[in-house]
């Protein structure tokens, strides 16, 4: 009887551990100003291994993420975004990456932001 009870406890514990949700949710601010920026930011995020969903809002500049925290983290996602020319609160894009974005996407330029 003890063996059966012990086996039942082990099986239930193992099932509970494997059924836990490993997906994390996060929201980060990403600089950008248009639909082309949205496409670039979301694509860079989704190309990061472990990211399952990435939706960037043009008006609020907030990127909503769902990712597998066993495969990636916020820093890796922000690094991918910065590599395509967009700043986050923690990681800034290099000048070379920023200069690679289309002229209408130059969010650091006040005149361009005013045009949008």
PDB file of N, CA and C in Angstrom:
ATOM      1  N   UNK A   1       0.816  -1.191   0.000  1.00  0.00           N
ATOM      2  CA  UNK A   1       0.000   0.000   0.000  1.00  0.00           C
ATOM      3  C   UNK A   1       0.865   1.263   0.000  1.00  0.00           C
ATOM      4  N   UNK A   2       1.963   1.224   0.761  1.00  0.00           N
ATOM      5  CA  UNK A   2       2.859   2.382   0.809  1.00  0.00           C
ATOM      6  C   UNK A   2       3.479   2.645  -0.563  1.00  0.00           C
ATOM      7  N   UNK A   3       3.820   1.570  -1.268  1.00  0.00           N
ATOM      8  CA  UNK A   3       4.425   1.722  -2.592  1.00  0.00           C
ATOM      9  C   UNK A   3       3.453   2.369  -3.572  1.00  0.00           C
ATOM     10  N   UNK A   4       2.202   1.973  -3.513  1.00  0.00           N
ATOM     11  CA  UNK A   4       1.182   2.539  -4.399  1.00  0.00           C
ATOM     12  C   UNK A   4       0.974   4.016  -4.088  1.00  0.00           C
ATOM     13  N   UNK A   5       0.895   4.343  -2.818  1.00  0.00           N
ATOM     14  CA  UNK A   5       0.717   5.735  -2.409  1.00  0.00           C
ATOM     15  C   UNK A   5       1.922   6.580  -2.823  1.00  0.00           C
ATOM     16  N   UNK A   6       3.115   6.043  -2.609  1.00  0.00           N
ATOM     17  CA  UNK A   6       4.331   6.765  -2.988  1.00  0.00           C
ATOM     18  C   UNK A   6       4.397   6.972  -4.501  1.00  0.00           C
ATOM     19  N   UNK A   7       4.036   5.956  -5.260  1.00  0.00           N
ATOM     20  CA  UNK A   7       4.021   6.066  -6.717  1.00  0.00           C
ATOM     21  C   UNK A   7       3.013   7.118  -7.173  1.00  0.00           C
ATOM     22  N   UNK A   8       1.871   7.151  -6.535  1.00  0.00           N
ATOM     23  CA  UNK A   8       0.847   8.137  -6.866  1.00  0.00           C
ATOM     24  C   UNK A   8       1.348   9.562  -6.602  1.00  0.00           C
ATOM     25  N   UNK A   9       2.029   9.772  -5.498  1.00  0.00           N
ATOM     26  CA  UNK A   9       2.584  11.094  -5.164  1.00  0.00           C
ATOM     27  C   UNK A   9       3.629  11.500  -6.195  1.00  0.00           C
ATOM     28  N   UNK A  10       4.495  10.611  -6.572  1.00  0.00           N
ATOM     29  CA  UNK A  10       5.538  10.910  -7.565  1.00  0.00           C
ATOM     30  C   UNK A  10       4.916  11.250  -8.915  1.00  0.00           C
ATOM     31  N   UNK A  11       3.934  10.490  -9.347  1.00  0.00           N
ATOM     32  CA  UNK A  11       3.279  10.725 -10.634  1.00  0.00           C
ATOM     33  C   UNK A  11       2.577  12.082 -10.630  1.00  0.00           C
ATOM     34  N   UNK A  12       1.851  12.393  -9.576  1.00  0.00           N
ATOM     35  CA  UNK A  12       1.153  13.680  -9.503  1.00  0.00           C
ATOM     36  C   UNK A  12       2.125  14.851  -9.453  1.00  0.00           C
ATOM     37  N   UNK A  13       3.213  14.710  -8.726  1.00  0.00           N
ATOM     38  CA  UNK A  13       4.219  15.774  -8.651  1.00  0.00           C
ATOM     39  C   UNK A  13       4.861  15.996 -10.014  1.00  0.00           C
ATOM     40  N   UNK A  14       5.213  14.926 -10.684  1.00  0.00           N
ATOM     41  CA  UNK A  14       5.830  15.031 -12.010  1.00  0.00           C
ATOM     42  C   UNK A  14       4.869  15.662 -13.015  1.00  0.00           C
ATOM     43  N   UNK A  15       3.623  15.249 -12.979  1.00  0.00           N
ATOM     44  CA  UNK A  15       2.622  15.810 -13.899  1.00  0.00           C
ATOM     45  C   UNK A  15       2.426  17.295 -13.644  1.00  0.00           C
ATOM     46  N   UNK A  16       2.442  17.696 -12.403  1.00  0.00           N
ATOM     47  CA  UNK A  16       2.285  19.110 -12.061  1.00  0.00           C
ATOM     48  C   UNK A  16       3.461  19.930 -12.571  1.00  0.00           C
ATOM     49  N   UNK A  17       4.662  19.407 -12.397  1.00  0.00           N
ATOM     50  CA  UNK A  17       5.852  20.137 -12.854  1.00  0.00           C
ATOM     51  C   UNK A  17       5.872  20.299 -14.365  1.00  0.00           C
ATOM     52  N   UNK A  18       5.487  19.280 -15.109  1.00  0.00           N
ATOM     53  CA  UNK A  18       5.508  19.352 -16.562  1.00  0.00           C
ATOM     54  C   UNK A  18       4.366  20.173 -17.134  1.00  0.00           C
ATOM     55  N   UNK A  19       3.310  20.329 -16.392  1.00  0.00           N
ATOM     56  CA  UNK A  19       2.169  21.065 -16.909  1.00  0.00           C
ATOM     57  C   UNK A  19       2.244  22.565 -16.631  1.00  0.00           C
ATOM     58  N   UNK A  20       3.258  23.001 -15.908  1.00  0.00           N
ATOM     59  CA  UNK A  20       3.387  24.423 -15.621  1.00  0.00           C
ATOM     60  C   UNK A  20       3.665  25.193 -16.893  1.00  0.00           C
ATOM     61  N   UNK A  21       3.100  26.372 -16.964  1.00  0.00           N
ATOM     62  CA  UNK A  21       3.269  27.230 -18.133  1.00  0.00           C
ATOM     63  C   UNK A  21       4.644  27.889 -18.083  1.00  0.00           C
ATOM     64  N   UNK A  22       5.448  27.666 -19.083  1.00  0.00           N
ATOM     65  CA  UNK A  22       6.795  28.249 -19.145  1.00  0.00           C
ATOM     66  C   UNK A  22       6.814  29.551 -19.932  1.00  0.00           C
ATOM     67  N   UNK A  23       5.640  30.005 -20.374  1.00  0.00           N
ATOM     68  CA  UNK A  23       5.572  31.233 -21.148  1.00  0.00           C
ATOM     69  C   UNK A  23       5.518  32.436 -20.220  1.00  0.00           C
ATOM     70  N   UNK A  24       6.352  33.394 -20.520  1.00  0.00           N
ATOM     71  CA  UNK A  24       6.368  34.638 -19.764  1.00  0.00           C
ATOM     72  C   UNK A  24       5.750  35.731 -20.629  1.00  0.00           C
ATOM     73  N   UNK A  25       5.203  36.721 -19.975  1.00  0.00           N
ATOM     74  CA  UNK A  25       4.647  37.885 -20.662  1.00  0.00           C
ATOM     75  C   UNK A  25       5.423  39.106 -20.208  1.00  0.00           C
ATOM     76  N   UNK A  26       5.664  39.998 -21.145  1.00  0.00           N
ATOM     77  CA  UNK A  26       6.375  41.233 -20.816  1.00  0.00           C
ATOM     78  C   UNK A  26       5.927  42.332 -21.768  1.00  0.00           C
ATOM     79  N   UNK A  27       6.069  43.553 -21.313  1.00  0.00           N
ATOM     80  CA  UNK A  27       5.793  44.723 -22.137  1.00  0.00           C
ATOM     81  C   UNK A  27       6.994  45.644 -22.021  1.00  0.00           C
ATOM     82  N   UNK A  28       7.538  46.033 -23.166  1.00  0.00           N
ATOM     83  CA  UNK A  28       8.679  46.946 -23.171  1.00  0.00           C
ATOM     84  C   UNK A  28       8.407  48.092 -24.136  1.00  0.00           C
ATOM     85  N   UNK A  29       9.048  49.207 -23.870  1.00  0.00           N
ATOM     86  CA  UNK A  29       8.915  50.371 -24.743  1.00  0.00           C
ATOM     87  C   UNK A  29       9.996  50.302 -25.814  1.00  0.00           C
ATOM     88  N   UNK A  30       9.568  50.512 -27.074  1.00  0.00           N
ATOM     89  CA  UNK A  30      10.484  50.484 -28.214  1.00  0.00           C
ATOM     90  C   UNK A  30      10.222  51.716 -29.059  1.00  0.00           C
ATOM     91  N   UNK A  31      11.284  52.447 -29.393  1.00  0.00           N
ATOM     92  CA  UNK A  31      11.134  53.653 -30.207  1.00  0.00           C
ATOM     93  C   UNK A  31      10.892  53.294 -31.673  1.00  0.00           C
ATOM     94  N   UNK A  32       9.976  54.025 -32.283  1.00  0.00           N
ATOM     95  CA  UNK A  32       9.619  53.864 -33.681  1.00  0.00           C
ATOM     96  C   UNK A  32       8.454  54.790 -33.970  1.00  0.00           C
ATOM     97  N   UNK A  33       8.099  54.962 -35.264  1.00  0.00           N
ATOM     98  CA  UNK A  33       7.045  55.943 -35.549  1.00  0.00           C
ATOM     99  C   UNK A  33       6.038  55.537 -36.617  1.00  0.00           C
ATOM    100  N   UNK A  34       6.232  54.416 -37.287  1.00  0.00           N
ATOM    101  CA  UNK A  34       5.312  54.125 -38.389  1.00  0.00           C
ATOM    102  C   UNK A  34       5.074  52.632 -38.552  1.00  0.00           C
ATOM    103  N   UNK A  35       4.291  52.308 -39.552  1.00  0.00           N
ATOM    104  CA  UNK A  35       3.974  50.914 -39.839  1.00  0.00           C
ATOM    105  C   UNK A  35       5.186  50.094 -40.252  1.00  0.00           C
ATOM    106  N   UNK A  36       6.122  50.712 -40.957  1.00  0.00           N
ATOM    107  CA  UNK A  36       7.347  49.999 -41.332  1.00  0.00           C
ATOM    108  C   UNK A  36       8.159  49.669 -40.076  1.00  0.00           C
ATOM    109  N   UNK A  37       8.174  50.590 -39.116  1.00  0.00           N
ATOM    110  CA  UNK A  37       8.857  50.338 -37.844  1.00  0.00           C
ATOM    111  C   UNK A  37       8.190  49.159 -37.134  1.00  0.00           C
ATOM    112  N   UNK A  38       6.861  49.155 -37.126  1.00  0.00           N
ATOM    113  CA  UNK A  38       6.103  48.083 -36.492  1.00  0.00           C
ATOM    114  C   UNK A  38       6.499  46.730 -37.063  1.00  0.00           C
ATOM    115  N   UNK A  39       6.534  46.655 -38.376  1.00  0.00           N
ATOM    116  CA  UNK A  39       6.883  45.396 -39.038  1.00  0.00           C
ATOM    117  C   UNK A  39       8.304  44.968 -38.672  1.00  0.00           C
ATOM    118  N   UNK A  40       9.242  45.907 -38.673  1.00  0.00           N
ATOM    119  CA  UNK A  40      10.642  45.617 -38.380  1.00  0.00           C
ATOM    120  C   UNK A  40      10.817  45.157 -36.919  1.00  0.00           C
ATOM    121  N   UNK A  41      10.170  45.857 -35.994  1.00  0.00           N
ATOM    122  CA  UNK A  41      10.277  45.536 -34.566  1.00  0.00           C
ATOM    123  C   UNK A  41       9.676  44.160 -34.279  1.00  0.00           C
ATOM    124  N   UNK A  42       8.496  43.913 -34.801  1.00  0.00           N
ATOM    125  CA  UNK A  42       7.838  42.627 -34.561  1.00  0.00           C
ATOM    126  C   UNK A  42       8.615  41.473 -35.187  1.00  0.00           C
ATOM    127  N   UNK A  43       9.139  41.671 -36.389  1.00  0.00           N
ATOM    128  CA  UNK A  43       9.908  40.622 -37.061  1.00  0.00           C
ATOM    129  C   UNK A  43      11.186  40.313 -36.284  1.00  0.00           C
ATOM    130  N   UNK A  44      11.884  41.361 -35.821  1.00  0.00           N
ATOM    131  CA  UNK A  44      13.113  41.140 -35.044  1.00  0.00           C
ATOM    132  C   UNK A  44      12.807  40.380 -33.759  1.00  0.00           C
ATOM    133  N   UNK A  45      11.702  40.715 -33.136  1.00  0.00           N
ATOM    134  CA  UNK A  45      11.307  40.027 -31.905  1.00  0.00           C
ATOM    135  C   UNK A  45      10.990  38.562 -32.186  1.00  0.00           C
ATOM    136  N   UNK A  46      10.176  38.327 -33.202  1.00  0.00           N
ATOM    137  CA  UNK A  46       9.760  36.961 -33.517  1.00  0.00           C
ATOM    138  C   UNK A  46      10.914  36.098 -34.028  1.00  0.00           C
ATOM    139  N   UNK A  47      11.951  36.721 -34.582  1.00  0.00           N
ATOM    140  CA  UNK A  47      13.116  35.972 -35.034  1.00  0.00           C
ATOM    141  C   UNK A  47      14.027  35.565 -33.881  1.00  0.00           C
ATOM    142  N   UNK A  48      13.735  36.041 -32.683  1.00  0.00           N
ATOM    143  CA  UNK A  48      14.480  35.635 -31.506  1.00  0.00           C
ATOM    144  C   UNK A  48      13.918  34.298 -31.041  1.00  0.00           C
ATOM    145  N   UNK A  49      14.776  33.304 -30.926  1.00  0.00           N
ATOM    146  CA  UNK A  49      14.330  31.963 -30.534  1.00  0.00           C
ATOM    147  C   UNK A  49      13.585  32.028 -29.204  1.00  0.00           C
ATOM    148  N   UNK A  50      12.399  31.449 -29.176  1.00  0.00           N
ATOM    149  CA  UNK A  50      11.606  31.395 -27.959  1.00  0.00           C
ATOM    150  C   UNK A  50      10.478  32.405 -27.902  1.00  0.00           C
ATOM    151  N   UNK A  51      10.495  33.412 -28.784  1.00  0.00           N
ATOM    152  CA  UNK A  51       9.421  34.407 -28.785  1.00  0.00           C
ATOM    153  C   UNK A  51       8.237  33.837 -29.557  1.00  0.00           C
ATOM    154  N   UNK A  52       7.086  33.842 -28.922  1.00  0.00           N
ATOM    155  CA  UNK A  52       5.893  33.265 -29.522  1.00  0.00           C
ATOM    156  C   UNK A  52       4.943  34.319 -30.062  1.00  0.00           C
ATOM    157  N   UNK A  53       4.946  35.503 -29.452  1.00  0.00           N
ATOM    158  CA  UNK A  53       4.062  36.572 -29.903  1.00  0.00           C
ATOM    159  C   UNK A  53       4.740  37.905 -29.640  1.00  0.00           C
ATOM    160  N   UNK A  54       4.611  38.815 -30.606  1.00  0.00           N
ATOM    161  CA  UNK A  54       5.161  40.160 -30.467  1.00  0.00           C
ATOM    162  C   UNK A  54       4.233  41.122 -31.195  1.00  0.00           C
ATOM    163  N   UNK A  55       3.650  42.059 -30.443  1.00  0.00           N
ATOM    164  CA  UNK A  55       2.746  43.041 -31.033  1.00  0.00           C
ATOM    165  C   UNK A  55       3.156  44.414 -30.531  1.00  0.00           C
ATOM    166  N   UNK A  56       3.569  45.280 -31.481  1.00  0.00           N
ATOM    167  CA  UNK A  56       4.013  46.634 -31.141  1.00  0.00           C
ATOM    168  C   UNK A  56       2.927  47.630 -31.521  1.00  0.00           C
ATOM    169  N   UNK A  57       2.624  48.549 -30.614  1.00  0.00           N
ATOM    170  CA  UNK A  57       1.600  49.559 -30.846  1.00  0.00           C
ATOM    171  C   UNK A  57       2.273  50.857 -31.290  1.00  0.00           C
ATOM    172  N   UNK A  58       1.910  51.340 -32.469  1.00  0.00           N
ATOM    173  CA  UNK A  58       2.515  52.553 -33.039  1.00  0.00           C
ATOM    174  C   UNK A  58       2.259  53.768 -32.148  1.00  0.00           C
ATOM    175  N   UNK A  59       1.071  53.865 -31.567  1.00  0.00           N
ATOM    176  CA  UNK A  59       0.710  55.046 -30.766  1.00  0.00           C
ATOM    177  C   UNK A  59       1.381  55.079 -29.397  1.00  0.00           C
ATOM    178  N   UNK A  60       1.438  53.930 -28.734  1.00  0.00           N
ATOM    179  CA  UNK A  60       1.993  53.901 -27.379  1.00  0.00           C
ATOM    180  C   UNK A  60       3.463  53.511 -27.325  1.00  0.00           C
ATOM    181  N   UNK A  61       3.994  52.967 -28.416  1.00  0.00           N
ATOM    182  CA  UNK A  61       5.368  52.476 -28.525  1.00  0.00           C
ATOM    183  C   UNK A  61       5.642  51.294 -27.599  1.00  0.00           C
ATOM    184  N   UNK A  62       4.584  50.620 -27.172  1.00  0.00           N
ATOM    185  CA  UNK A  62       4.742  49.482 -26.272  1.00  0.00           C
ATOM    186  C   UNK A  62       4.682  48.173 -27.070  1.00  0.00           C
ATOM    187  N   UNK A  63       5.634  47.292 -26.767  1.00  0.00           N
ATOM    188  CA  UNK A  63       5.719  45.985 -27.406  1.00  0.00           C
ATOM    189  C   UNK A  63       5.273  44.935 -26.397  1.00  0.00           C
ATOM    190  N   UNK A  64       4.201  44.232 -26.711  1.00  0.00           N
ATOM    191  CA  UNK A  64       3.697  43.157 -25.852  1.00  0.00           C
ATOM    192  C   UNK A  64       4.264  41.837 -26.346  1.00  0.00           C
ATOM    193  N   UNK A  65       4.891  41.112 -25.437  1.00  0.00           N
ATOM    194  CA  UNK A  65       5.586  39.879 -25.788  1.00  0.00           C
ATOM    195  C   UNK A  65       5.054  38.684 -25.006  1.00  0.00           C
ATOM    196  N   UNK A  66       5.077  37.543 -25.651  1.00  0.00           N
ATOM    197  CA  UNK A  66       4.913  36.256 -24.992  1.00  0.00           C
ATOM    198  C   UNK A  66       6.096  35.419 -25.458  1.00  0.00           C
ATOM    199  N   UNK A  67       6.857  34.891 -24.493  1.00  0.00           N
ATOM    200  CA  UNK A  67       8.053  34.145 -24.859  1.00  0.00           C
ATOM    201  C   UNK A  67       8.297  33.018 -23.863  1.00  0.00           C
ATOM    202  N   UNK A  68       9.030  32.021 -24.329  1.00  0.00           N
ATOM    203  CA  UNK A  68       9.406  30.883 -23.501  1.00  0.00           C
ATOM    204  C   UNK A  68      10.650  31.286 -22.728  1.00  0.00           C
ATOM    205  N   UNK A  69      10.504  31.456 -21.429  1.00  0.00           N
ATOM    206  CA  UNK A  69      11.616  31.944 -20.622  1.00  0.00           C
ATOM    207  C   UNK A  69      12.720  30.899 -20.452  1.00  0.00           C
ATOM    208  N   UNK A  70      12.490  29.676 -20.903  1.00  0.00           N
ATOM    209  CA  UNK A  70      13.554  28.668 -20.898  1.00  0.00           C
ATOM    210  C   UNK A  70      14.487  28.862 -22.083  1.00  0.00           C
ATOM    211  N   UNK A  71      14.021  29.570 -23.132  1.00  0.00           N
ATOM    212  CA  UNK A  71      14.796  29.708 -24.360  1.00  0.00           C
ATOM    213  C   UNK A  71      15.358  31.112 -24.579  1.00  0.00           C
ATOM    214  N   UNK A  72      14.749  32.117 -23.983  1.00  0.00           N
ATOM    215  CA  UNK A  72      15.215  33.490 -24.207  1.00  0.00           C
ATOM    216  C   UNK A  72      14.865  34.352 -23.006  1.00  0.00           C
ATOM    217  N   UNK A  73      15.289  35.603 -23.080  1.00  0.00           N
ATOM    218  CA  UNK A  73      14.984  36.562 -22.016  1.00  0.00           C
ATOM    219  C   UNK A  73      14.804  37.945 -22.636  1.00  0.00           C
ATOM    220  N   UNK A  74      14.405  38.897 -21.815  1.00  0.00           N
ATOM    221  CA  UNK A  74      14.127  40.258 -22.300  1.00  0.00           C
ATOM    222  C   UNK A  74      15.374  40.888 -22.922  1.00  0.00           C
ATOM    223  N   UNK A  75      16.524  40.679 -22.327  1.00  0.00           N
ATOM    224  CA  UNK A  75      17.757  41.276 -22.856  1.00  0.00           C
ATOM    225  C   UNK A  75      18.056  40.775 -24.263  1.00  0.00           C
ATOM    226  N   UNK A  76      17.880  39.498 -24.507  1.00  0.00           N
ATOM    227  CA  UNK A  76      18.125  38.939 -25.844  1.00  0.00           C
ATOM    228  C   UNK A  76      17.144  39.514 -26.858  1.00  0.00           C
ATOM    229  N   UNK A  77      15.903  39.677 -26.445  1.00  0.00           N
ATOM    230  CA  UNK A  77      14.896  40.249 -27.350  1.00  0.00           C
ATOM    231  C   UNK A  77      15.227  41.705 -27.649  1.00  0.00           C
ATOM    232  N   UNK A  78      15.608  42.463 -26.634  1.00  0.00           N
ATOM    233  CA  UNK A  78      15.964  43.872 -26.839  1.00  0.00           C
ATOM    234  C   UNK A  78      17.205  44.001 -27.717  1.00  0.00           C
ATOM    235  N   UNK A  79      18.140  43.093 -27.588  1.00  0.00           N
ATOM    236  CA  UNK A  79      19.336  43.106 -28.430  1.00  0.00           C
ATOM    237  C   UNK A  79      18.966  42.879 -29.891  1.00  0.00           C
ATOM    238  N   UNK A  80      18.030  41.966 -30.147  1.00  0.00           N
ATOM    239  CA  UNK A  80      17.570  41.723 -31.519  1.00  0.00           C
ATOM    240  C   UNK A  80      16.894  42.957 -32.101  1.00  0.00           C
ATOM    241  N   UNK A  81      16.106  43.627 -31.282  1.00  0.00           N
ATOM    242  CA  UNK A  81      15.417  44.838 -31.735  1.00  0.00           C
ATOM    243  C   UNK A  81      16.420  45.943 -32.028  1.00  0.00           C
ATOM    244  N   UNK A  82      17.406  46.110 -31.159  1.00  0.00           N
ATOM    245  CA  UNK A  82      18.432  47.138 -31.366  1.00  0.00           C
ATOM    246  C   UNK A  82      19.267  46.848 -32.611  1.00  0.00           C
ATOM    247  N   UNK A  83      19.444  45.572 -32.928  1.00  0.00           N
ATOM    248  CA  UNK A  83      20.264  45.228 -34.099  1.00  0.00           C
ATOM    249  C   UNK A  83      19.609  45.637 -35.415  1.00  0.00           C
ATOM    250  N   UNK A  84      18.284  45.867 -35.400  1.00  0.00           N
ATOM    251  CA  UNK A  84      17.604  46.323 -36.614  1.00  0.00           C
ATOM    252  C   UNK A  84      17.343  47.827 -36.593  1.00  0.00           C
ATOM    253  N   UNK A  85      17.902  48.526 -35.581  1.00  0.00           N
ATOM    254  CA  UNK A  85      17.860  49.983 -35.589  1.00  0.00           C
ATOM    255  C   UNK A  85      16.883  50.658 -34.656  1.00  0.00           C
ATOM    256  N   UNK A  86      16.313  49.935 -33.706  1.00  0.00           N
ATOM    257  CA  UNK A  86      15.332  50.546 -32.805  1.00  0.00           C
ATOM    258  C   UNK A  86      15.810  50.502 -31.359  1.00  0.00           C
ATOM    259  N   UNK A  87      15.655  51.638 -30.678  1.00  0.00           N
ATOM    260  CA  UNK A  87      16.068  51.749 -29.281  1.00  0.00           C
ATOM    261  C   UNK A  87      14.993  51.174 -28.361  1.00  0.00           C
ATOM    262  N   UNK A  88      15.447  50.562 -27.271  1.00  0.00           N
ATOM    263  CA  UNK A  88      14.564  50.189 -26.174  1.00  0.00           C
ATOM    264  C   UNK A  88      15.017  51.002 -24.971  1.00  0.00           C
ATOM    265  N   UNK A  89      14.313  50.872 -23.880  1.00  0.00           N
ATOM    266  CA  UNK A  89      14.669  51.639 -22.682  1.00  0.00           C
ATOM    267  C   UNK A  89      16.062  51.261 -22.185  1.00  0.00           C
ATOM    268  N   UNK A  90      16.436  49.996 -22.317  1.00  0.00           N
ATOM    269  CA  UNK A  90      17.708  49.519 -21.788  1.00  0.00           C
ATOM    270  C   UNK A  90      18.828  49.407 -22.818  1.00  0.00           C
ATOM    271  N   UNK A  91      18.495  49.137 -24.073  1.00  0.00           N
ATOM    272  CA  UNK A  91      19.520  48.919 -25.099  1.00  0.00           C
ATOM    273  C   UNK A  91      19.276  49.851 -26.269  1.00  0.00           C
ATOM    274  N   UNK A  92      20.293  50.629 -26.615  1.00  0.00           N
ATOM    275  CA  UNK A  92      20.206  51.568 -27.732  1.00  0.00           C
ATOM    276  C   UNK A  92      20.822  50.949 -28.978  1.00  0.00           C
ATOM    277  N   UNK A  93      20.216  51.237 -30.107  1.00  0.00           N
ATOM    278  CA  UNK A  93      20.740  50.762 -31.386  1.00  0.00           C
ATOM    279  C   UNK A  93      22.034  51.500 -31.713  1.00  0.00           C
ATOM    280  N   UNK A  94      22.937  50.821 -32.366  1.00  0.00           N
ATOM    281  CA  UNK A  94      24.164  51.476 -32.814  1.00  0.00           C
ATOM    282  C   UNK A  94      23.820  52.476 -33.908  1.00  0.00           C
ATOM    283  N   UNK A  95      24.708  53.416 -34.144  1.00  0.00           N
ATOM    284  CA  UNK A  95      24.481  54.387 -35.214  1.00  0.00           C
ATOM    285  C   UNK A  95      24.355  53.682 -36.562  1.00  0.00           C
ATOM    286  N   UNK A  96      25.169  52.667 -36.768  1.00  0.00           N
ATOM    287  CA  UNK A  96      25.114  51.920 -38.029  1.00  0.00           C
ATOM    288  C   UNK A  96      23.746  51.248 -38.206  1.00  0.00           C
ATOM    289  N   UNK A  97      23.234  50.621 -37.159  1.00  0.00           N
ATOM    290  CA  UNK A  97      21.921  49.972 -37.238  1.00  0.00           C
ATOM    291  C   UNK A  97      20.821  51.013 -37.423  1.00  0.00           C
ATOM    292  N   UNK A  98      20.905  52.116 -36.675  1.00  0.00           N
ATOM    293  CA  UNK A  98      19.900  53.173 -36.793  1.00  0.00           C
ATOM    294  C   UNK A  98      19.896  53.760 -38.203  1.00  0.00           C
ATOM    295  N   UNK A  99      21.064  53.991 -38.767  1.00  0.00           N
ATOM    296  CA  UNK A  99      21.169  54.569 -40.112  1.00  0.00           C
ATOM    297  C   UNK A  99      20.683  53.617 -41.202  1.00  0.00           C
ATOM    298  N   UNK A 100      20.523  52.343 -40.867  1.00  0.00           N
ATOM    299  CA  UNK A 100      20.049  51.376 -41.861  1.00  0.00           C
ATOM    300  C   UNK A 100      18.527  51.420 -42.033  1.00  0.00           C
ATOM    301  N   UNK A 101      17.809  52.078 -41.118  1.00  0.00           N
ATOM    302  CA  UNK A 101      16.350  52.143 -41.263  1.00  0.00           C
ATOM    303  C   UNK A 101      15.986  53.158 -42.344  1.00  0.00           C
ATOM    304  N   UNK A 102      14.801  53.016 -42.886  1.00  0.00           N
ATOM    305  CA  UNK A 102      14.308  53.921 -43.932  1.00  0.00           C
ATOM    306  C   UNK A 102      14.269  55.357 -43.410  1.00  0.00           C
ATOM    307  N   UNK A 103      14.400  56.325 -44.300  1.00  0.00           N
ATOM    308  CA  UNK A 103      14.420  57.738 -43.905  1.00  0.00           C
ATOM    309  C   UNK A 103      13.174  58.154 -43.122  1.00  0.00           C
ATOM    310  N   UNK A 104      12.013  57.585 -43.448  1.00  0.00           N
ATOM    311  CA  UNK A 104      10.795  57.975 -42.739  1.00  0.00           C
ATOM    312  C   UNK A 104      10.715  57.353 -41.348  1.00  0.00           C
ATOM    313  N   UNK A 105      11.635  56.455 -41.037  1.00  0.00           N
ATOM    314  CA  UNK A 105      11.631  55.756 -39.741  1.00  0.00           C
ATOM    315  C   UNK A 105      12.644  56.338 -38.760  1.00  0.00           C
ATOM    316  N   UNK A 106      13.238  57.456 -39.086  1.00  0.00           N
ATOM    317  CA  UNK A 106      14.277  58.056 -38.236  1.00  0.00           C
ATOM    318  C   UNK A 106      13.640  58.740 -37.030  1.00  0.00           C
ATOM    319  N   UNK A 107      13.255  57.948 -36.046  1.00  0.00           N
ATOM    320  CA  UNK A 107      12.526  58.417 -34.872  1.00  0.00           C
ATOM    321  C   UNK A 107      13.351  59.340 -33.983  1.00  0.00           C
ATOM    322  N   UNK A 108      14.667  59.361 -34.125  1.00  0.00           N
ATOM    323  CA  UNK A 108      15.519  60.253 -33.318  1.00  0.00           C
ATOM    324  C   UNK A 108      15.486  61.675 -33.871  1.00  0.00           C
ATOM    325  N   UNK A 109      15.057  61.843 -35.111  1.00  0.00           N
ATOM    326  CA  UNK A 109      15.003  63.159 -35.771  1.00  0.00           C
ATOM    327  C   UNK A 109      13.647  63.810 -35.489  1.00  0.00           C
ATOM    328  N   UNK A 110      13.671  64.949 -34.823  1.00  0.00           N
ATOM    329  CA  UNK A 110      12.425  65.636 -34.432  1.00  0.00           C
ATOM    330  C   UNK A 110      11.585  66.004 -35.651  1.00  0.00           C
ATOM    331  N   UNK A 111      12.208  66.426 -36.745  1.00  0.00           N
ATOM    332  CA  UNK A 111      11.448  66.803 -37.946  1.00  0.00           C
ATOM    333  C   UNK A 111      10.680  65.611 -38.510  1.00  0.00           C
ATOM    334  N   UNK A 112      11.275  64.445 -38.497  1.00  0.00           N
ATOM    335  CA  UNK A 112      10.611  63.244 -38.985  1.00  0.00           C
ATOM    336  C   UNK A 112       9.459  62.879 -38.065  1.00  0.00           C
ATOM    337  N   UNK A 113       9.661  62.982 -36.762  1.00  0.00           N
ATOM    338  CA  UNK A 113       8.581  62.689 -35.814  1.00  0.00           C
ATOM    339  C   UNK A 113       7.423  63.663 -35.999  1.00  0.00           C
ATOM    340  N   UNK A 114       7.732  64.928 -36.259  1.00  0.00           N
ATOM    341  CA  UNK A 114       6.682  65.925 -36.456  1.00  0.00           C
ATOM    342  C   UNK A 114       5.855  65.644 -37.714  1.00  0.00           C
ATOM    343  N   UNK A 115       6.491  65.056 -38.733  1.00  0.00           N
ATOM    344  CA  UNK A 115       5.786  64.715 -39.983  1.00  0.00           C
ATOM    345  C   UNK A 115       4.778  63.597 -39.775  1.00  0.00           C
ATOM    346  N   UNK A 116       4.995  62.776 -38.788  1.00  0.00           N
ATOM    347  CA  UNK A 116       4.078  61.653 -38.529  1.00  0.00           C
ATOM    348  C   UNK A 116       3.040  62.133 -37.593  1.00  0.00           C
TER     349      UNK A 116
END
